[in-house]
Amino acid sequence: MTSRLHTTLGVAAVAAGALVLSACGSGASGGSSAAGAGSITLYNAQHESLTKEWVDAFTKQTGIKVTVRNGDDTEMSNQLVAEGQASPADVFLTENSPAMTQVENAGLFADVDKATLAQVPEQYRPSTGKWVGIAARSTVLVYDKRKVQENQLPASMLDLAKPEWKGRWAASPSGADFQAIVSALLQLKGEAATNDWLTAMKTNAKVYKGNSTAMKAVNSGEVDTALIYHYYYYGDQAKTGENSANVGTHYFKHQDPGAFVSVSGGGVLKSSKNAAAAQALLKFITGKTGQEVLEKGTSFEYAVGSGVPSNPALVPLKELQAPSVDPAKLNSATVTDLMTKAGLL
């Protein structure tokens, strides 16, 4: 996310009218007994345009008004932990799982309604049931098709630590996206292997601010490859393609750490003053109508709920051969410690 929480909170009082999305109707699939009742506040660390589509459709169907406060994963989760039971938030949505785990570990989430959990397969939600997957994104290595042949690409993400990849790959280590990928590596391979890989990364990788910037660097020939999430490529291709015209996508597959599929999450705060409406929003997002926003829209994130297929432009989830990762066990605190130790943060 590019928005900053302190900015958003600072203008919240002035912008309240713009942030509250008014009702257009009531009663439809994805609603509950809360339909048409009251309002809720959403702390949003998902892409603003995607969340707006969800919220607009939810309000239209249920009559529930939603005030949205935007920020990025880490600052929003930190804000929730700092606010504790006094938080005005009813619902929290993120791009990546580690921020959800931070809030869960602070004991701030209520259980997600069983009917909502049932809409999402087990691999796309935490084992604890304290929050639920709402979308997903795949790790991918983008490469300069003019300089690198497919048969020259690394078989594993771990191969990027080898000397032959020095100066030939890019990443955005300060971002929550990349830190989620490292969190998966930590869960799959352990602390020693993760530390070794990050230490090698300090020597081998070129650092950029943001996944889009890293992909642009590949496209312009500055660097051979970049480790990012898939939707940056597909989003650019769907527009002008000016930042991805020379770019190819390499999926590691074979349950490799580099085949990690990151789950975007949604949870209801225990302190919610309108828990029924908050639960209704999660049920809507993971339901057919909410997931069709992913299938038919331009976010290019994967649909994970209610059997809805993803955008047809994407490599199907089942073909990614992602490793099995429990989102509830992604450890962002240890990851940032290891990355700091390696000189990446």
Protein backbone atom coordinates (compact mmCIF):
# COMPACT_ATOMS: atom_id res chain seq x y z
CA MET A 1 0.00 0.00 0.00
CA THR A 2 1.20 3.52 -0.67
CA SER A 3 -1.15 5.37 1.72
CA ARG A 4 0.12 6.24 5.16
CA LEU A 5 -2.01 5.75 8.27
CA HIS A 6 -0.95 8.96 9.99
CA THR A 7 -2.12 10.91 6.95
CA THR A 8 -5.39 9.05 6.75
CA LEU A 9 -6.16 9.43 10.45
CA GLY A 10 -5.22 13.07 10.31
CA VAL A 11 -7.89 13.84 7.76
CA ALA A 12 -10.45 11.31 8.93
CA ALA A 13 -12.75 13.85 10.53
CA VAL A 14 -12.73 16.08 7.47
CA ALA A 15 -13.10 13.23 5.01
CA ALA A 16 -15.70 11.19 6.88
CA GLY A 17 -18.39 12.03 4.39
CA ALA A 18 -16.27 10.76 1.52
CA LEU A 19 -15.27 7.61 3.35
CA VAL A 20 -18.78 6.54 4.34
CA LEU A 21 -20.36 4.61 1.52
CA SER A 22 -24.13 4.99 1.64
CA ALA A 23 -26.75 2.29 1.21
CA CYS A 24 -28.47 1.62 -2.09
CA GLY A 25 -30.54 -1.41 -1.16
CA SER A 26 -30.86 -4.33 1.19
CA GLY A 27 -30.93 -8.09 1.35
CA ALA A 28 -28.84 -10.30 -0.96
CA SER A 29 -26.37 -13.17 -1.00
CA GLY A 30 -23.44 -12.73 1.36
CA GLY A 31 -25.52 -10.76 3.88
CA SER A 32 -26.78 -11.84 7.29
CA SER A 33 -29.26 -10.84 9.97
CA ALA A 34 -27.24 -7.62 10.18
CA ALA A 35 -28.38 -6.58 6.69
CA GLY A 36 -29.46 -2.97 6.66
CA ALA A 37 -28.26 -2.43 10.25
CA GLY A 38 -25.95 0.38 11.25
CA SER A 39 -22.37 0.99 10.16
CA ILE A 40 -18.84 -0.37 10.62
CA THR A 41 -15.27 0.90 10.35
CA LEU A 42 -12.82 -0.97 8.15
CA TYR A 43 -9.05 -0.71 8.56
CA ASN A 44 -7.86 -1.51 5.06
CA ALA A 45 -4.38 -2.61 4.04
CA GLN A 46 -5.56 -4.17 0.79
CA HIS A 47 -5.38 -2.26 -2.50
CA GLU A 48 -7.75 0.67 -2.16
CA SER A 49 -9.47 0.18 -5.52
CA LEU A 50 -10.20 -3.51 -4.84
CA THR A 51 -11.57 -2.81 -1.37
CA LYS A 52 -13.73 -0.01 -2.73
CA GLU A 53 -15.34 -2.44 -5.17
CA TRP A 54 -16.07 -4.86 -2.34
CA VAL A 55 -17.42 -2.17 -0.03
CA ASP A 56 -19.60 -0.51 -2.66
CA ALA A 57 -21.20 -3.83 -3.61
CA PHE A 58 -21.62 -4.85 0.05
CA THR A 59 -23.33 -1.58 0.99
CA LYS A 60 -25.59 -1.80 -2.04
CA GLN A 61 -26.71 -5.30 -1.09
CA THR A 62 -26.98 -4.96 2.69
CA GLY A 63 -27.52 -1.29 3.49
CA ILE A 64 -24.60 -1.42 5.95
CA LYS A 65 -22.44 1.69 5.78
CA VAL A 66 -18.66 1.25 5.84
CA THR A 67 -16.10 3.87 6.83
CA VAL A 68 -12.71 2.96 5.35
CA ARG A 69 -9.32 3.93 6.74
CA ASN A 70 -6.44 3.04 4.42
CA GLY A 71 -2.81 2.24 5.23
CA ASP A 72 -0.24 -0.47 4.64
CA ASP A 73 0.01 -3.88 6.31
CA THR A 74 2.57 -3.10 8.98
CA GLU A 75 1.35 0.31 10.07
CA MET A 76 -2.26 -0.86 10.23
CA SER A 77 -1.42 -3.95 12.29
CA ASN A 78 0.80 -1.87 14.58
CA GLN A 79 -2.01 0.65 14.95
CA LEU A 80 -4.49 -2.05 15.93
CA VAL A 81 -2.11 -3.52 18.50
CA ALA A 82 -1.48 -0.05 19.95
CA GLU A 83 -5.21 0.72 20.13
CA GLY A 84 -6.10 -2.66 21.60
CA GLN A 85 -9.65 -2.99 22.86
CA ALA A 86 -10.16 0.75 22.34
CA SER A 87 -9.79 0.49 18.56
CA PRO A 88 -12.66 1.93 16.50
CA ALA A 89 -12.06 -0.75 13.86
CA ASP A 90 -14.63 -3.48 13.28
CA VAL A 91 -12.84 -5.27 10.42
CA PHE A 92 -9.22 -5.51 9.25
CA LEU A 93 -8.24 -6.45 5.67
CA THR A 94 -4.64 -6.97 4.55
CA GLU A 95 -2.56 -7.77 1.51
CA ASN A 96 -0.33 -10.27 3.36
CA SER A 97 -0.81 -12.79 6.17
CA PRO A 98 1.93 -11.72 8.65
CA ALA A 99 0.03 -8.56 9.61
CA MET A 100 -3.05 -10.67 10.37
CA THR A 101 -0.94 -13.00 12.51
CA GLN A 102 0.43 -10.04 14.48
CA VAL A 103 -3.09 -8.88 15.36
CA GLU A 104 -4.18 -12.45 16.10
CA ASN A 105 -1.23 -13.02 18.43
CA ALA A 106 -2.23 -9.87 20.32
CA GLY A 107 -5.57 -11.56 21.03
CA LEU A 108 -7.61 -8.94 19.19
CA PHE A 109 -9.61 -11.06 16.72
CA ALA A 110 -12.97 -12.68 17.30
CA ASP A 111 -13.65 -16.09 15.77
CA VAL A 112 -14.82 -15.92 12.17
CA ASP A 113 -18.33 -17.30 11.63
CA LYS A 114 -18.23 -20.95 10.63
CA ALA A 115 -20.35 -20.31 7.54
CA THR A 116 -17.73 -17.85 6.30
CA LEU A 117 -14.83 -20.20 7.01
CA ALA A 118 -16.65 -22.92 5.09
CA GLN A 119 -16.56 -20.74 1.96
CA VAL A 120 -12.75 -20.81 1.83
CA PRO A 121 -10.61 -23.98 1.42
CA GLU A 122 -8.29 -24.80 4.33
CA GLN A 123 -5.10 -23.94 2.44
CA TYR A 124 -6.27 -20.33 2.07
CA ARG A 125 -7.04 -19.63 5.73
CA PRO A 126 -5.21 -20.03 9.04
CA SER A 127 -5.61 -23.18 11.10
CA THR A 128 -6.85 -21.10 14.04
CA GLY A 129 -10.02 -19.77 12.39
CA LYS A 130 -9.34 -16.30 13.79
CA TRP A 131 -9.36 -14.73 10.33
CA VAL A 132 -10.01 -15.89 6.78
CA GLY A 133 -8.42 -15.66 3.33
CA ILE A 134 -10.04 -13.15 1.00
CA ALA A 135 -7.64 -13.30 -1.98
CA ALA A 136 -4.17 -14.61 -2.87
CA ARG A 137 -1.06 -13.71 -4.82
CA SER A 138 1.79 -15.87 -6.12
CA THR A 139 5.51 -15.32 -5.86
CA VAL A 140 7.10 -15.04 -9.30
CA LEU A 141 10.52 -14.29 -10.76
CA VAL A 142 10.15 -11.80 -13.59
CA TYR A 143 13.02 -11.73 -16.08
CA ASP A 144 14.33 -9.78 -19.06
CA LYS A 145 13.46 -11.93 -22.07
CA ARG A 146 16.14 -10.17 -24.13
CA LYS A 147 18.95 -11.21 -21.80
CA VAL A 148 17.87 -14.43 -20.09
CA GLN A 149 16.59 -17.64 -21.67
CA GLU A 150 14.06 -19.79 -19.85
CA ASN A 151 16.52 -22.65 -19.49
CA GLN A 152 18.94 -20.28 -17.73
CA LEU A 153 16.52 -19.41 -14.94
CA PRO A 154 17.06 -20.79 -11.41
CA ALA A 155 15.21 -23.99 -10.54
CA SER A 156 14.64 -22.78 -6.97
CA MET A 157 14.36 -19.43 -5.25
CA LEU A 158 17.18 -20.66 -3.01
CA ASP A 159 19.48 -20.71 -6.06
CA LEU A 160 19.45 -16.90 -6.04
CA ALA A 161 21.96 -17.19 -3.19
CA LYS A 162 24.54 -18.75 -5.53
CA PRO A 163 27.51 -16.67 -6.71
CA GLU A 164 26.38 -16.76 -10.35
CA TRP A 165 23.34 -14.64 -9.43
CA LYS A 166 25.34 -11.81 -7.89
CA GLY A 167 23.97 -8.51 -9.19
CA ARG A 168 21.44 -10.30 -11.39
CA TRP A 169 18.27 -10.14 -9.33
CA ALA A 170 16.25 -7.44 -7.62
CA ALA A 171 13.76 -7.22 -4.77
CA SER A 172 12.05 -4.73 -2.48
CA PRO A 173 13.08 -5.99 0.99
CA SER A 174 11.46 -3.12 2.89
CA GLY A 175 8.00 -4.04 1.62
CA ALA A 176 5.45 -6.26 3.37
CA ASP A 177 5.13 -8.31 0.17
CA PHE A 178 8.75 -9.45 0.21
CA GLN A 179 8.76 -9.98 3.96
CA ALA A 180 5.79 -12.34 3.58
CA ILE A 181 7.83 -14.38 1.09
CA VAL A 182 10.69 -14.56 3.60
CA SER A 183 8.18 -15.55 6.31
CA ALA A 184 7.20 -18.54 4.19
CA LEU A 185 10.86 -19.44 3.68
CA LEU A 186 11.34 -19.33 7.45
CA GLN A 187 8.38 -21.65 8.06
CA LEU A 188 9.45 -24.08 5.33
CA LYS A 189 13.23 -24.20 5.79
CA GLY A 190 13.92 -22.91 9.28
CA GLU A 191 15.90 -20.03 10.74
CA ALA A 192 19.42 -21.17 9.79
CA ALA A 193 18.58 -21.63 6.10
CA THR A 194 16.66 -18.35 6.02
CA ASN A 195 19.57 -16.49 7.61
CA ASP A 196 22.00 -17.97 5.07
CA TRP A 197 19.74 -16.98 2.16
CA LEU A 198 19.28 -13.43 3.44
CA THR A 199 23.01 -13.05 4.02
CA ALA A 200 23.64 -14.08 0.42
CA MET A 201 20.87 -11.75 -0.72
CA LYS A 202 22.71 -8.81 0.81
CA THR A 203 25.58 -9.57 -1.56
CA ASN A 204 23.64 -10.72 -4.62
CA ALA A 205 20.49 -8.63 -4.88
CA LYS A 206 19.86 -5.11 -6.11
CA VAL A 207 17.47 -3.28 -3.80
CA TYR A 208 14.54 -1.23 -5.09
CA LYS A 209 11.65 0.50 -3.36
CA GLY A 210 8.48 -1.32 -4.42
CA ASN A 211 7.70 -4.31 -6.63
CA SER A 212 6.62 -2.12 -9.55
CA THR A 213 9.97 -0.32 -9.49
CA ALA A 214 11.84 -3.63 -9.42
CA MET A 215 9.86 -4.89 -12.42
CA LYS A 216 10.51 -1.63 -14.29
CA ALA A 217 14.22 -2.15 -13.69
CA VAL A 218 13.99 -5.57 -15.33
CA ASN A 219 12.02 -4.16 -18.24
CA SER A 220 14.57 -1.38 -18.82
CA GLY A 221 17.55 -3.76 -18.67
CA GLU A 222 18.97 -2.51 -15.35
CA VAL A 223 18.83 -5.98 -13.83
CA ASP A 224 18.16 -9.46 -15.21
CA THR A 225 15.41 -10.63 -12.84
CA ALA A 226 13.27 -9.57 -9.86
CA LEU A 227 11.41 -11.50 -7.19
CA ILE A 228 7.90 -10.01 -6.87
CA TYR A 229 4.22 -10.94 -6.81
CA HIS A 230 2.50 -11.94 -10.02
CA TYR A 231 -0.19 -9.25 -10.24
CA TYR A 232 2.25 -6.40 -10.89
CA TYR A 233 3.04 -8.00 -14.24
CA TYR A 234 -0.57 -8.79 -15.16
CA GLY A 235 -1.82 -5.38 -14.09
CA ASP A 236 0.74 -3.63 -16.29
CA GLN A 237 0.02 -5.94 -19.21
CA ALA A 238 -3.69 -5.14 -18.95
CA LYS A 239 -2.91 -1.43 -19.28
CA THR A 240 -0.20 -0.19 -21.66
CA GLY A 241 2.41 -2.87 -20.99
CA GLU A 242 5.05 -0.14 -21.04
CA ASN A 243 6.71 -1.43 -17.86
CA SER A 244 6.55 -5.12 -18.75
CA ALA A 245 6.94 -5.36 -22.53
CA ASN A 246 10.34 -7.05 -22.21
CA VAL A 247 9.40 -9.13 -19.16
CA GLY A 248 8.66 -12.83 -18.82
CA THR A 249 7.32 -14.66 -15.75
CA HIS A 250 8.97 -17.69 -14.14
CA TYR A 251 7.00 -19.77 -11.61
CA PHE A 252 9.20 -22.02 -9.47
CA LYS A 253 6.44 -24.62 -8.74
CA HIS A 254 7.41 -28.02 -7.22
CA GLN A 255 6.51 -26.84 -3.68
CA ASP A 256 9.58 -24.61 -3.75
CA PRO A 257 9.68 -21.70 -1.25
CA GLY A 258 9.62 -19.50 -4.34
CA ALA A 259 6.22 -20.96 -5.26
CA PHE A 260 4.71 -19.49 -2.10
CA VAL A 261 1.13 -18.26 -2.47
CA SER A 262 0.48 -15.43 -0.02
CA VAL A 263 -3.01 -15.18 1.46
CA SER A 264 -4.66 -11.79 1.90
CA GLY A 265 -6.75 -11.84 5.04
CA GLY A 266 -9.81 -10.44 6.73
CA GLY A 267 -10.73 -10.53 10.41
CA VAL A 268 -13.30 -9.14 12.83
CA LEU A 269 -12.08 -7.31 15.92
CA LYS A 270 -13.28 -8.53 19.33
CA SER A 271 -13.92 -4.91 20.24
CA SER A 272 -16.32 -4.38 17.32
CA LYS A 273 -19.45 -2.47 18.28
CA ASN A 274 -21.37 -4.08 15.41
CA ALA A 275 -20.01 -7.61 15.19
CA ALA A 276 -22.94 -8.95 13.16
CA ALA A 277 -22.35 -6.38 10.41
CA ALA A 278 -18.58 -6.95 10.55
CA GLN A 279 -19.08 -10.70 10.14
CA ALA A 280 -21.48 -10.00 7.28
CA LEU A 281 -18.77 -8.08 5.41
CA LEU A 282 -16.34 -11.01 5.63
CA LYS A 283 -19.06 -13.42 4.53
CA PHE A 284 -19.82 -11.17 1.55
CA ILE A 285 -16.17 -10.81 0.46
CA THR A 286 -15.55 -14.56 0.58
CA GLY A 287 -18.93 -15.32 -0.99
CA LYS A 288 -19.76 -15.64 -4.67
CA THR A 289 -20.44 -11.96 -5.34
CA GLY A 290 -17.32 -10.78 -3.52
CA GLN A 291 -15.05 -13.31 -5.18
CA GLU A 292 -16.45 -12.47 -8.61
CA VAL A 293 -14.95 -9.01 -8.11
CA LEU A 294 -11.58 -10.79 -8.33
CA GLU A 295 -12.60 -12.98 -11.26
CA LYS A 296 -14.01 -10.16 -13.40
CA GLY A 297 -12.03 -7.14 -12.17
CA THR A 298 -8.56 -5.77 -12.79
CA SER A 299 -6.85 -6.46 -9.45
CA PHE A 300 -5.44 -9.72 -10.90
CA GLU A 301 -5.36 -11.27 -7.43
CA TYR A 302 -6.52 -14.86 -7.10
CA ALA A 303 -10.04 -15.73 -5.99
CA VAL A 304 -9.97 -18.18 -3.07
CA GLY A 305 -13.59 -18.54 -1.93
CA SER A 306 -16.93 -20.07 -2.87
CA GLY A 307 -15.54 -22.02 -5.81
CA VAL A 308 -15.25 -18.88 -7.94
CA PRO A 309 -12.53 -19.14 -10.62
CA SER A 310 -9.78 -16.54 -10.79
CA ASN A 311 -9.26 -14.07 -13.60
CA PRO A 312 -8.74 -16.21 -16.74
CA ALA A 313 -5.54 -14.31 -17.61
CA LEU A 314 -3.78 -15.88 -14.62
CA VAL A 315 -1.96 -19.20 -14.33
CA PRO A 316 -4.52 -21.33 -12.40
CA LEU A 317 -3.81 -21.75 -8.69
CA LYS A 318 -3.78 -25.53 -9.00
CA GLU A 319 -0.93 -25.31 -11.53
CA LEU A 320 1.34 -23.24 -9.27
CA GLN A 321 2.27 -26.26 -7.12
CA ALA A 322 2.62 -24.04 -4.06
CA PRO A 323 4.15 -25.33 -0.83
CA SER A 324 1.89 -25.97 2.15
CA VAL A 325 2.14 -22.99 4.50
CA ASP A 326 -0.06 -22.28 7.53
CA PRO A 327 -0.74 -18.51 7.39
CA ALA A 328 -1.25 -18.49 11.18
CA LYS A 329 2.41 -19.42 11.68
CA LEU A 330 4.06 -16.78 9.51
CA ASN A 331 6.47 -15.00 11.85
CA SER A 332 7.01 -11.40 10.79
CA ALA A 333 8.89 -10.42 13.96
CA THR A 334 11.63 -13.02 13.45
CA VAL A 335 11.79 -12.15 9.74
CA THR A 336 12.42 -8.46 10.38
CA ASP A 337 15.04 -9.38 12.97
CA LEU A 338 16.82 -11.66 10.49
CA MET A 339 16.60 -9.11 7.69
CA THR A 340 17.95 -6.40 9.96
CA LYS A 341 20.81 -8.67 11.00
CA ALA A 342 21.58 -9.31 7.32
CA GLY A 343 21.67 -5.56 6.62
CA LEU A 344 18.58 -5.57 4.42
CA LEU A 345 16.46 -3.33 6.66
